Amino acid sequence: SRQLADITEVTYPPNVLLPYLTIGINEIIRLKPEAYPTIKNLDLVAGAAQSLLVTDISLIDVICNMGSDGATPGKAVTSLDKEQMDQILPGWLTFDTSVVVSFIIVDLKTPKTFYVFPPQPNPSTQKVKAVVSVLPGPIITFDDDFPLDDSYKPTIIDYMIYRALAEETTVPNALNKSGMFWQKFLQ
């Protein structure tokens, strides 16, 4: 197509495009957390409110209780959104504590915070097995493994073209072309 011909008229050294690859992968994960899921144990703290680690992007699902040793699978956990829980059981935040979690309550407005019901006792030693979205490490060379499913490769190419054109001043109409690739990336 003519657009690709315009882009190939300008050559970019690989070291210029490589950061766009990592940034694009991170943007995909930010927009679609399930693109890079990791299963891990989460340590719970006293009370209902729980926080993900700084390195975690968002909670995708909680599978089951894991006990204080983190190795013994226990009772399955059901996920609800906060609005549902508020309607089903008003005052759920003040219920008696228990080490066994029955429900995980999520609020999409606060992706790094979730709640457990019943609340955890003080101190809590409970762990739950969860599916969490995290960011992979940076891509250092083009020989590094692509961390996402191969179905995301066309999307990452659109992102890299968008970023290259957004910063290009020698290609006619580069900013408009950049916007087209941004829209393709979002689709």
Foldseek 3Di string as FASTA:
>chain_A
DVLVVLVVVDDDDPVVLQVLLQVLQVVVCLVPVVQFKDKDKDWAFFFWKDFADPQFRAFDWWAAKCALVNNRGDGGEAEDEPVVCCVVPPPQRPDDADLGFHYKYHHVVDRGMITTPPGHHVGHSIMTITITGGRDDGDDDPPDDDNGDPVCVVLSVLSSQLVVLCPDDPRPPSPVSSVVSVVVSVD
